[in-house]
Amino acid sequence: MIDIKFLESEIRDQYLANDDNRPWIIGFSGGKDSTMLLQLVWSALSKIEMAKAYQRAIYVVCNNTLVENPKIINFTERTLNRIESAALKQSLPISVVRTTPKLEDTFWLNLIGKGYPTPSSIFRWCTDRLKISPTTKFILDKINDSGEVIILLGTRSDESSNRAKSMKQREIFGKRLRKHVLPNAYVYAPLKDVVTDEVWQYLLQNPPLWGGTNRELVTLYRNATGGDCPLVIDTTTPSCGNSRFGCWVCTVVQKDKSMQALIDNGEEWMLPLLELRNYLAETQTNHEKYRQKERRNGTITEGVHGPYFPSVRAKILEDLLKAQKEIREEDPNMVLISQQELIAIQIIWYRDGIFYPRVSDIYNKVYNINSLDMDKQDNQRQKEDALLHQVCHRNPDDVQLINNLLDLHKSKILLKNRNGLKGDLEKELDFFLKKKKIETVASQYS
C-alpha cells in the first residue's frame, strides 16, 4: 500500500539535501502520473519550515508538439495557468516552461512542405523533432547555467516491463538518483514503485494544491479509455499509441482509439481530425499512388520512395484547412496550422519547383475569402523572373539556378536557421554543374 507521507518525506529530504542547489526540472504532461508527481512535490514544499529558504528553482516543463489532441492540450493549458498563478501567490520557487518545436521541425512543415511520409514504427521522424529536441534544448540550457540538473519524472516500473528494465539499467545503487542519457543530468523518479490503482486512489482523494479538482482529468481518461503521453526526452520512451493521449496525427499505431473514444463520448467536433488522420495512415500503403520515385535531391534509389507527390501535399493541406474551419465552429481560437507554417510551406514548395497550386490559392478556396494574400510576393517574384530572363538571355538555364539559390536563402531566413547555408548553396551549384556537364556530353552524341 502506498505511503504518501513517506513519499513526501523523501521528496522533501532530497530537496533539502545539503550543498545541493541543482535545479529540478519536472516533466509535466497533464496526465495522471505527472499530475501525482507535481502534487507530491508541491505538498512536500508546503511543509518546509518557513525559516528554511527554498534553495533551488523548480521548472515545470510541458512540451506541446503543436499537433496535440486539442481536447487534451486545452485541458493541460488551463492546468498550467492555474499552476503559474498559485505558485506566485504561494511564493513557491516553481516556474512553468512550455516547449515547442522550431518552425523548421514542425509536423506540417515536414509532411506538407517537404513531403515527408507519415511517421511509422520504422521511420519515426516526428519524435526527435517534435518532442525530444525542444525539451532537450531547455535542459541543456539549464545544465549550461547550473552545471548539473535533476529531472523529476512520473515514470513507474508498473507501466511496462521495458520501462522497468530501462529504469533499472540507469539506477545508481543505494541512491535515489539515476543517470540520464544527457551529460550532467540525473533522474529522480519518486513514483517508480507506485502501481496504477494507487495513482488513481491518490488523485481521487487529494485535490491539487494549485486549485480545482482532478475530476476533469478522471473524466478525460474515462472518455478516452487510455492514458497520457509522457514527456519524451530520450528514444527509450515508447510511442504515444495504444490509446495514449498524444498527437492526433499519429500514424505509428493502426487506429487512434483514444480519439475515436472521445468522439463516441460526445466530442463529435473531432470527427474531421480523425478522418484526416485516417487518410494520413492510408498513405503508408500503395507508395506508387502517393509518393514520387525521385527523392528531393533528384536521386532515385531502387526500392526507396521519395516525398509525397505535390498533388498529395496539396490535398492534405486542403483537408487540414477544411478541418480547421469546421472545428473553429466549436472553438474560434483553434489553430491546427499557423500562418507562419503556411508561408514557410509555400517557400519550400517554390524551392521544390511546385508553383501551382499555391498555398494562398488553397487557403482562399477553403475559406472563400482572400485573407491569405501572397499576391505581393508573387508579383515581386514575377518581376524578378522577368529581369533574370533578360539578364540571362544567353544562358537561360541560369535562371532556374539563381531562383533555386534565392529560395534556399529565403527559406533559411524565414526559418531563422542559417546553419549549413553555405554548404547547401555549394551543393546546389555542384548539382547544377554536374547536370550541365551531363547534358553537354549527351548533346555531342545526339
Protein backbone atom coordinates (compact mmCIF):
# COMPACT_ATOMS: atom_id res chain seq x y z
CA MET A 1 0.00 0.00 0.00
CA ILE A 2 1.34 3.43 -0.96
CA ASP A 3 2.67 5.54 1.92
CA ILE A 4 2.08 9.18 0.91
CA LYS A 5 3.79 10.60 3.99
CA PHE A 6 6.91 8.54 3.24
CA LEU A 7 6.99 9.73 -0.43
CA GLU A 8 6.59 13.35 0.60
CA SER A 9 9.28 12.93 3.24
CA GLU A 10 11.70 11.53 0.65
CA ILE A 11 10.98 14.35 -1.77
CA ARG A 12 11.41 16.97 0.95
CA ASP A 13 14.65 15.31 2.13
CA GLN A 14 16.01 15.27 -1.44
CA TYR A 15 15.06 18.90 -1.96
CA LEU A 16 16.80 19.99 1.25
CA ALA A 17 19.96 17.92 0.62
CA ASN A 18 23.00 19.81 1.90
CA ASP A 19 25.06 21.79 -0.60
CA ASP A 20 22.76 20.81 -3.46
CA ASN A 21 21.35 23.71 -5.45
CA ARG A 22 20.87 21.84 -8.70
CA PRO A 23 17.58 22.95 -10.25
CA TRP A 24 14.72 20.48 -10.54
CA ILE A 25 13.05 20.00 -13.90
CA ILE A 26 9.66 18.31 -13.60
CA GLY A 27 8.34 16.69 -16.76
CA PHE A 28 4.64 17.54 -16.85
CA SER A 29 2.24 16.20 -19.47
CA GLY A 30 -1.00 16.87 -17.60
CA GLY A 31 -1.70 13.14 -17.30
CA LYS A 32 -2.22 11.07 -14.17
CA ASP A 33 1.41 10.23 -13.35
CA SER A 34 2.91 13.68 -13.87
CA THR A 35 -0.04 15.24 -12.00
CA MET A 36 0.54 12.99 -9.00
CA LEU A 37 4.26 13.74 -9.10
CA LEU A 38 3.74 17.52 -9.12
CA GLN A 39 1.12 17.30 -6.37
CA LEU A 40 3.53 15.37 -4.15
CA VAL A 41 6.35 17.85 -4.79
CA TRP A 42 4.01 20.79 -4.14
CA SER A 43 2.75 19.25 -0.91
CA ALA A 44 6.29 18.45 0.23
CA LEU A 45 7.41 22.04 -0.40
CA SER A 46 4.43 23.45 1.50
CA LYS A 47 5.60 21.55 4.61
CA ILE A 48 9.10 23.02 4.61
CA GLU A 49 9.67 25.34 7.56
CA MET A 50 9.46 28.98 6.60
CA ALA A 51 12.82 29.60 8.27
CA LYS A 52 14.45 27.46 5.59
CA ALA A 53 14.62 29.35 2.34
CA TYR A 54 13.82 27.46 -0.83
CA GLN A 55 17.27 26.58 -2.06
CA ARG A 56 16.67 25.52 -5.64
CA ALA A 57 14.49 26.51 -8.58
CA ILE A 58 11.84 24.12 -9.90
CA TYR A 59 10.80 24.20 -13.55
CA VAL A 60 7.57 22.51 -14.63
CA VAL A 61 8.26 21.69 -18.28
CA CYS A 62 5.41 20.84 -20.63
CA ASN A 63 6.04 20.06 -24.30
CA ASN A 64 3.46 20.94 -26.95
CA THR A 65 4.14 19.26 -30.29
CA LEU A 66 1.63 21.66 -31.94
CA VAL A 67 -0.32 18.62 -33.12
CA GLU A 68 -1.56 17.53 -29.70
CA ASN A 69 -5.10 16.27 -29.25
CA PRO A 70 -6.96 19.63 -28.96
CA LYS A 71 -9.13 18.38 -26.10
CA ILE A 72 -6.05 17.41 -24.09
CA ILE A 73 -3.92 20.46 -24.83
CA ASN A 74 -6.76 22.81 -23.83
CA PHE A 75 -7.11 20.97 -20.52
CA THR A 76 -3.33 20.98 -19.96
CA GLU A 77 -3.07 24.70 -20.74
CA ARG A 78 -5.76 25.54 -18.18
CA THR A 79 -3.88 23.46 -15.61
CA LEU A 80 -0.59 25.22 -16.37
CA ASN A 81 -2.24 28.63 -15.95
CA ARG A 82 -3.53 27.60 -12.51
CA ILE A 83 -0.07 26.30 -11.55
CA GLU A 84 1.58 29.59 -12.55
CA SER A 85 -0.93 31.68 -10.65
CA ALA A 86 -0.90 29.55 -7.49
CA ALA A 87 2.91 29.28 -7.36
CA LEU A 88 3.15 33.07 -7.47
CA LYS A 89 0.52 33.56 -4.75
CA GLN A 90 2.10 30.91 -2.51
CA SER A 91 5.65 32.24 -3.12
CA LEU A 92 6.90 28.85 -4.31
CA PRO A 93 10.06 28.56 -6.45
CA ILE A 94 8.07 26.99 -9.28
CA SER A 95 8.11 28.25 -12.88
CA VAL A 96 6.17 26.88 -15.84
CA VAL A 97 8.05 26.34 -19.10
CA ARG A 98 6.29 25.49 -22.36
CA THR A 99 8.46 23.98 -25.09
CA THR A 100 7.51 23.70 -28.76
CA PRO A 101 9.36 22.54 -31.88
CA LYS A 102 11.22 25.03 -34.04
CA LEU A 103 9.40 26.16 -37.19
CA GLU A 104 11.63 24.05 -39.44
CA ASP A 105 10.86 20.99 -37.29
CA THR A 106 7.06 21.25 -37.13
CA PHE A 107 4.96 18.32 -38.31
CA TRP A 108 3.17 20.15 -41.15
CA LEU A 109 6.30 21.85 -42.48
CA ASN A 110 7.94 18.46 -42.92
CA LEU A 111 4.89 16.50 -44.08
CA ILE A 112 3.14 19.05 -46.31
CA GLY A 113 6.11 21.25 -47.10
CA LYS A 114 8.86 18.71 -47.74
CA GLY A 115 6.56 15.77 -48.45
CA TYR A 116 7.85 13.56 -45.64
CA PRO A 117 5.81 10.33 -45.39
CA THR A 118 3.70 9.91 -42.27
CA PRO A 119 5.66 8.53 -39.29
CA SER A 120 5.74 4.78 -38.80
CA SER A 121 7.40 2.36 -36.40
CA ILE A 122 10.24 2.07 -38.94
CA PHE A 123 10.63 5.78 -39.74
CA ARG A 124 9.50 7.71 -36.64
CA TRP A 125 10.97 11.04 -37.67
CA CYS A 126 8.49 13.02 -35.55
CA THR A 127 9.65 12.03 -32.04
CA ASP A 128 13.02 13.75 -32.15
CA ARG A 129 11.82 16.89 -33.93
CA LEU A 130 8.58 17.46 -32.03
CA LYS A 131 9.39 16.11 -28.56
CA ILE A 132 13.00 15.32 -27.75
CA SER A 133 14.75 18.34 -29.30
CA PRO A 134 12.62 21.15 -27.78
CA THR A 135 12.82 19.77 -24.24
CA THR A 136 16.46 18.72 -24.57
CA LYS A 137 17.38 22.26 -25.61
CA PHE A 138 15.82 23.66 -22.43
CA ILE A 139 17.56 21.05 -20.26
CA LEU A 140 20.93 21.70 -21.89
CA ASP A 141 20.49 25.45 -21.35
CA LYS A 142 19.92 24.81 -17.65
CA ILE A 143 22.92 22.47 -17.49
CA ASN A 144 24.98 25.23 -19.09
CA ASP A 145 23.75 27.70 -16.44
CA SER A 146 23.96 25.44 -13.37
CA GLY A 147 26.46 22.73 -14.23
CA GLU A 148 24.05 19.90 -13.40
CA VAL A 149 20.28 19.38 -13.19
CA ILE A 150 17.91 16.83 -11.68
CA ILE A 151 14.98 15.74 -13.84
CA LEU A 152 11.88 14.55 -11.99
CA LEU A 153 9.71 12.15 -13.97
CA GLY A 154 6.47 10.37 -13.18
CA THR A 155 7.71 7.14 -14.76
CA ARG A 156 6.75 3.94 -12.95
CA SER A 157 8.08 0.40 -13.18
CA ASP A 158 4.46 -0.76 -13.23
CA GLU A 159 3.88 0.86 -16.65
CA SER A 160 5.69 -1.80 -18.68
CA SER A 161 8.48 -4.34 -18.50
CA ASN A 162 10.56 -2.28 -20.94
CA ARG A 163 10.19 0.83 -18.79
CA ALA A 164 11.17 -1.12 -15.67
CA LYS A 165 14.23 -2.50 -17.44
CA SER A 166 15.25 0.95 -18.70
CA MET A 167 14.92 2.46 -15.22
CA LYS A 168 16.92 -0.37 -13.64
CA GLN A 169 19.79 -0.02 -16.13
CA ARG A 170 20.41 3.64 -15.21
CA GLU A 171 19.84 3.27 -11.48
CA ILE A 172 22.67 4.14 -9.10
CA PHE A 173 22.66 1.50 -6.36
CA GLY A 174 21.67 2.81 -2.93
CA LYS A 175 20.74 6.27 -4.20
CA ARG A 176 17.54 7.96 -5.28
CA LEU A 177 19.06 9.46 -8.41
CA ARG A 178 19.97 7.61 -11.59
CA LYS A 179 21.99 8.71 -14.57
CA HIS A 180 20.31 10.30 -17.56
CA VAL A 181 21.38 9.95 -21.18
CA LEU A 182 22.28 13.66 -21.19
CA PRO A 183 25.63 14.55 -19.57
CA ASN A 184 25.45 16.20 -16.13
CA ALA A 185 21.79 15.29 -15.76
CA TYR A 186 20.23 12.92 -13.24
CA VAL A 187 16.74 11.48 -12.97
CA TYR A 188 14.65 11.29 -9.82
CA ALA A 189 11.55 9.08 -10.14
CA PRO A 190 9.70 9.11 -6.79
CA LEU A 191 6.77 7.12 -8.24
CA LYS A 192 8.82 4.24 -9.61
CA ASP A 193 7.28 1.70 -7.17
CA VAL A 194 3.71 3.07 -7.30
CA VAL A 195 1.13 0.97 -9.16
CA THR A 196 -1.66 2.35 -11.36
CA ASP A 197 -4.51 1.77 -8.89
CA GLU A 198 -2.59 3.71 -6.25
CA VAL A 199 -2.15 6.64 -8.63
CA TRP A 200 -5.90 6.89 -9.17
CA GLN A 201 -6.62 6.46 -5.49
CA TYR A 202 -4.28 9.33 -4.63
CA LEU A 203 -5.70 11.67 -7.27
CA LEU A 204 -9.30 10.98 -6.24
CA GLN A 205 -8.54 11.60 -2.57
CA ASN A 206 -6.18 14.58 -2.91
CA PRO A 207 -7.16 17.69 -4.90
CA PRO A 208 -4.22 19.67 -6.33
CA LEU A 209 -2.88 22.44 -4.12
CA TRP A 210 -2.85 24.81 -7.11
CA GLY A 211 -6.64 24.76 -7.07
CA GLY A 212 -9.52 22.89 -8.64
CA THR A 213 -10.02 19.13 -8.57
CA ASN A 214 -8.90 16.09 -10.55
CA ARG A 215 -12.43 15.28 -11.70
CA GLU A 216 -11.87 16.61 -15.24
CA LEU A 217 -8.69 14.56 -15.54
CA VAL A 218 -10.53 11.42 -14.44
CA THR A 219 -13.32 12.16 -16.93
CA LEU A 220 -10.85 12.59 -19.78
CA TYR A 221 -9.31 9.21 -19.06
CA ARG A 222 -12.69 7.57 -18.75
CA ASN A 223 -13.93 9.02 -22.04
CA ALA A 224 -10.76 8.19 -23.95
CA THR A 225 -10.19 4.79 -22.33
CA GLY A 226 -6.47 5.48 -22.42
CA GLY A 227 -3.60 7.31 -20.80
CA ASP A 228 -1.37 10.32 -21.17
CA CYS A 229 1.59 10.90 -23.45
CA PRO A 230 4.69 11.19 -21.22
CA LEU A 231 7.36 13.85 -21.51
CA VAL A 232 9.76 12.40 -24.08
CA ILE A 233 13.44 13.19 -23.54
CA ASP A 234 15.08 10.07 -24.99
CA THR A 235 14.37 7.38 -27.56
CA THR A 236 13.61 4.73 -24.92
CA THR A 237 10.22 6.33 -24.30
CA PRO A 238 7.54 4.40 -26.18
CA SER A 239 5.18 5.81 -28.78
CA CYS A 240 2.02 7.51 -27.61
CA GLY A 241 -0.13 4.90 -29.33
CA ASN A 242 -2.20 2.16 -27.75
CA SER A 243 -4.88 4.57 -26.54
CA ARG A 244 -2.47 7.12 -25.10
CA PHE A 245 -3.23 10.81 -25.32
CA GLY A 246 -0.78 12.20 -27.83
CA CYS A 247 -0.60 13.74 -31.28
CA TRP A 248 -3.90 13.50 -33.12
CA VAL A 249 -1.98 12.88 -36.37
CA CYS A 250 -0.13 9.84 -35.01
CA THR A 251 0.09 7.00 -37.54
CA VAL A 252 2.59 4.88 -35.64
CA VAL A 253 -0.39 2.81 -34.47
CA GLN A 254 -3.08 1.41 -36.75
CA LYS A 255 -6.01 3.14 -35.01
CA ASP A 256 -6.32 6.13 -32.71
CA LYS A 257 -8.53 4.51 -30.09
CA SER A 258 -8.47 7.49 -27.72
CA MET A 259 -9.75 10.00 -30.31
CA GLN A 260 -12.38 7.54 -31.51
CA ALA A 261 -13.49 7.00 -27.90
CA LEU A 262 -13.73 10.76 -27.29
CA ILE A 263 -15.91 11.11 -30.40
CA ASP A 264 -18.11 8.23 -29.23
CA ASN A 265 -18.48 10.00 -25.89
CA GLY A 266 -19.84 13.24 -27.34
CA GLU A 267 -16.86 15.04 -28.91
CA GLU A 268 -18.24 14.81 -32.46
CA TRP A 269 -16.43 18.02 -33.46
CA MET A 270 -13.20 15.97 -33.55
CA LEU A 271 -14.50 13.78 -36.40
CA PRO A 272 -12.73 15.83 -39.16
CA LEU A 273 -9.45 15.30 -37.32
CA LEU A 274 -9.97 11.55 -37.18
CA GLU A 275 -10.87 11.42 -40.87
CA LEU A 276 -7.70 13.31 -41.84
CA ARG A 277 -5.61 11.15 -39.54
CA ASN A 278 -7.04 8.03 -41.18
CA TYR A 279 -6.19 9.40 -44.63
CA LEU A 280 -2.61 10.01 -43.49
CA ALA A 281 -2.46 6.39 -42.32
CA GLU A 282 -3.80 5.28 -45.72
CA THR A 283 -0.85 6.93 -47.50
CA GLN A 284 1.52 4.50 -45.78
CA THR A 285 0.44 1.84 -48.28
CA ASN A 286 0.43 1.93 -52.09
CA HIS A 287 3.51 4.14 -52.35
CA GLU A 288 3.19 4.38 -56.14
CA LYS A 289 -0.08 6.25 -55.69
CA TYR A 290 1.10 8.76 -53.10
CA ARG A 291 4.87 9.18 -53.39
CA GLN A 292 7.42 10.15 -56.03
CA LYS A 293 10.19 7.84 -57.17
CA GLU A 294 12.70 10.68 -57.06
CA ARG A 295 13.97 11.94 -53.73
CA ARG A 296 14.04 15.69 -53.05
CA ASN A 297 17.69 15.89 -54.16
CA GLY A 298 16.76 14.42 -57.55
CA THR A 299 18.28 10.97 -56.99
CA ILE A 300 16.49 7.64 -57.47
CA THR A 301 17.25 4.63 -55.29
CA GLU A 302 15.84 1.21 -56.07
CA GLY A 303 13.23 0.19 -53.50
CA VAL A 304 13.18 3.62 -51.86
CA HIS A 305 10.38 6.10 -52.49
CA GLY A 306 10.67 9.86 -52.32
CA PRO A 307 8.35 12.53 -50.89
CA TYR A 308 4.63 12.82 -51.44
CA PHE A 309 3.50 13.96 -54.88
CA PRO A 310 2.70 17.70 -55.00
CA SER A 311 -0.97 16.83 -55.53
CA VAL A 312 -0.99 14.74 -52.33
CA ARG A 313 0.66 17.54 -50.34
CA ALA A 314 -1.95 19.96 -51.69
CA LYS A 315 -4.81 17.60 -50.77
CA ILE A 316 -3.51 17.16 -47.20
CA LEU A 317 -3.23 20.94 -46.82
CA GLU A 318 -6.75 21.48 -48.17
CA ASP A 319 -8.21 18.78 -45.90
CA LEU A 320 -6.33 20.23 -42.92
CA LEU A 321 -7.67 23.72 -43.57
CA LYS A 322 -11.19 22.33 -44.00
CA ALA A 323 -10.87 20.55 -40.67
CA GLN A 324 -9.60 23.74 -39.03
CA LYS A 325 -12.51 25.73 -40.47
CA GLU A 326 -15.03 23.17 -39.23
CA ILE A 327 -13.71 22.79 -35.69
CA ARG A 328 -13.48 26.55 -35.27
CA GLU A 329 -17.25 26.45 -35.09
CA GLU A 330 -16.64 24.69 -31.74
CA ASP A 331 -13.69 26.87 -30.73
CA PRO A 332 -12.92 30.05 -32.77
CA ASN A 333 -9.38 30.12 -31.37
CA MET A 334 -8.46 26.60 -32.51
CA VAL A 335 -5.31 26.55 -34.65
CA LEU A 336 -4.21 23.40 -36.46
CA ILE A 337 -1.64 25.11 -38.69
CA SER A 338 -0.15 28.58 -38.18
CA GLN A 339 0.19 31.38 -40.72
CA GLN A 340 3.97 31.18 -40.35
CA GLU A 341 3.87 27.49 -41.27
CA LEU A 342 1.75 28.27 -44.34
CA ILE A 343 4.25 30.85 -45.58
CA ALA A 344 7.20 28.53 -44.90
CA ILE A 345 5.45 25.70 -46.78
CA GLN A 346 5.00 27.95 -49.80
CA ILE A 347 8.72 28.79 -49.80
CA ILE A 348 9.61 25.09 -49.64
CA TRP A 349 7.19 24.36 -52.49
CA TYR A 350 8.85 27.06 -54.61
CA ARG A 351 12.22 25.55 -53.80
CA ASP A 352 10.93 22.11 -54.89
CA GLY A 353 9.64 23.60 -58.15
CA ILE A 354 5.96 23.42 -57.08
CA PHE A 355 4.44 26.65 -58.31
CA TYR A 356 0.83 25.51 -58.66
CA PRO A 357 -1.32 25.20 -56.72
CA ARG A 358 -0.16 27.92 -54.36
CA VAL A 359 -0.77 27.79 -50.63
CA SER A 360 -2.76 31.01 -50.78
CA ASP A 361 -5.00 29.56 -53.53
CA ILE A 362 -5.81 26.53 -51.36
CA TYR A 363 -6.40 28.67 -48.27
CA ASN A 364 -8.65 31.15 -50.01
CA LYS A 365 -10.58 28.35 -51.71
CA VAL A 366 -11.36 26.73 -48.36
CA TYR A 367 -12.34 29.96 -46.61
CA ASN A 368 -13.87 31.54 -49.73
CA ILE A 369 -12.04 34.80 -48.98
CA ASN A 370 -8.72 36.45 -49.75
CA SER A 371 -7.47 36.55 -46.17
CA LEU A 372 -4.15 34.94 -47.04
CA ASP A 373 -2.62 37.27 -49.59
CA MET A 374 0.60 36.13 -51.21
CA ASP A 375 0.00 38.11 -54.40
CA LYS A 376 2.54 40.78 -53.42
CA GLN A 377 5.24 38.17 -53.07
CA ASP A 378 4.14 36.54 -56.33
CA ASN A 379 4.12 39.86 -58.23
CA GLN A 380 7.58 40.67 -56.93
CA ARG A 381 8.75 37.21 -57.97
CA GLN A 382 7.35 37.71 -61.48
CA LYS A 383 9.27 40.98 -61.79
CA GLU A 384 12.45 39.29 -60.58
CA ASP A 385 11.94 36.42 -63.05
CA ALA A 386 11.44 38.86 -65.94
CA LEU A 387 14.63 40.69 -65.03
CA LEU A 388 16.54 37.41 -64.66
CA HIS A 389 15.39 36.18 -68.08
CA GLN A 390 16.50 39.49 -69.58
CA VAL A 391 19.96 39.34 -67.98
CA CYS A 392 20.43 35.60 -68.63
CA HIS A 393 19.12 35.55 -72.22
CA ARG A 394 22.33 33.88 -73.40
CA ASN A 395 22.23 31.26 -70.62
CA PRO A 396 18.52 30.66 -69.84
CA ASP A 397 19.31 27.64 -67.63
CA ASP A 398 20.94 30.01 -65.16
CA VAL A 399 17.51 31.44 -64.32
CA GLN A 400 16.43 28.26 -62.56
CA LEU A 401 19.76 28.03 -60.73
CA ILE A 402 19.51 31.59 -59.41
CA ASN A 403 15.88 31.06 -58.37
CA ASN A 404 16.83 27.91 -56.50
CA LEU A 405 19.64 29.70 -54.67
CA LEU A 406 17.36 32.62 -53.77
CA ASP A 407 14.64 30.30 -52.47
CA LEU A 408 17.20 28.42 -50.43
CA HIS A 409 18.45 31.65 -48.87
CA LYS A 410 14.93 32.96 -48.21
CA SER A 411 13.87 29.72 -46.54
CA LYS A 412 16.86 29.85 -44.22
CA ILE A 413 15.99 33.44 -43.23
CA LEU A 414 12.31 32.64 -42.61
CA LEU A 415 13.12 29.52 -40.61
CA LYS A 416 15.65 31.53 -38.57
CA ASN A 417 18.23 28.85 -39.16
CA ARG A 418 21.21 29.75 -41.34
CA ASN A 419 23.23 26.77 -40.20
CA GLY A 420 24.62 24.95 -43.20
CA LEU A 421 23.56 27.66 -45.67
CA LYS A 422 26.98 27.81 -47.33
CA GLY A 423 27.07 24.03 -47.70
CA ASP A 424 23.54 23.93 -49.14
CA LEU A 425 24.39 26.63 -51.68
CA GLU A 426 27.54 24.76 -52.72
CA LYS A 427 25.58 21.51 -53.11
CA GLU A 428 23.03 23.27 -55.33
CA LEU A 429 25.80 24.73 -57.51
CA ASP A 430 27.60 21.40 -57.71
CA PHE A 431 24.39 19.59 -58.71
CA PHE A 432 23.70 22.22 -61.39
CA LEU A 433 27.22 22.00 -62.85
CA LYS A 434 27.13 18.19 -62.96
CA LYS A 435 23.75 18.29 -64.67
CA LYS A 436 25.06 20.79 -67.26
CA LYS A 437 28.11 18.61 -67.91
CA ILE A 438 25.93 15.53 -68.48
CA GLU A 439 23.64 17.47 -70.84
CA THR A 440 26.64 18.80 -72.79
CA VAL A 441 28.13 15.34 -73.22
CA ALA A 442 24.73 13.91 -74.23
CA SER A 443 24.22 16.62 -76.84
CA GLN A 444 27.51 15.66 -78.53
CA TYR A 445 26.18 12.16 -79.19
CA SER A 446 22.64 13.13 -80.17
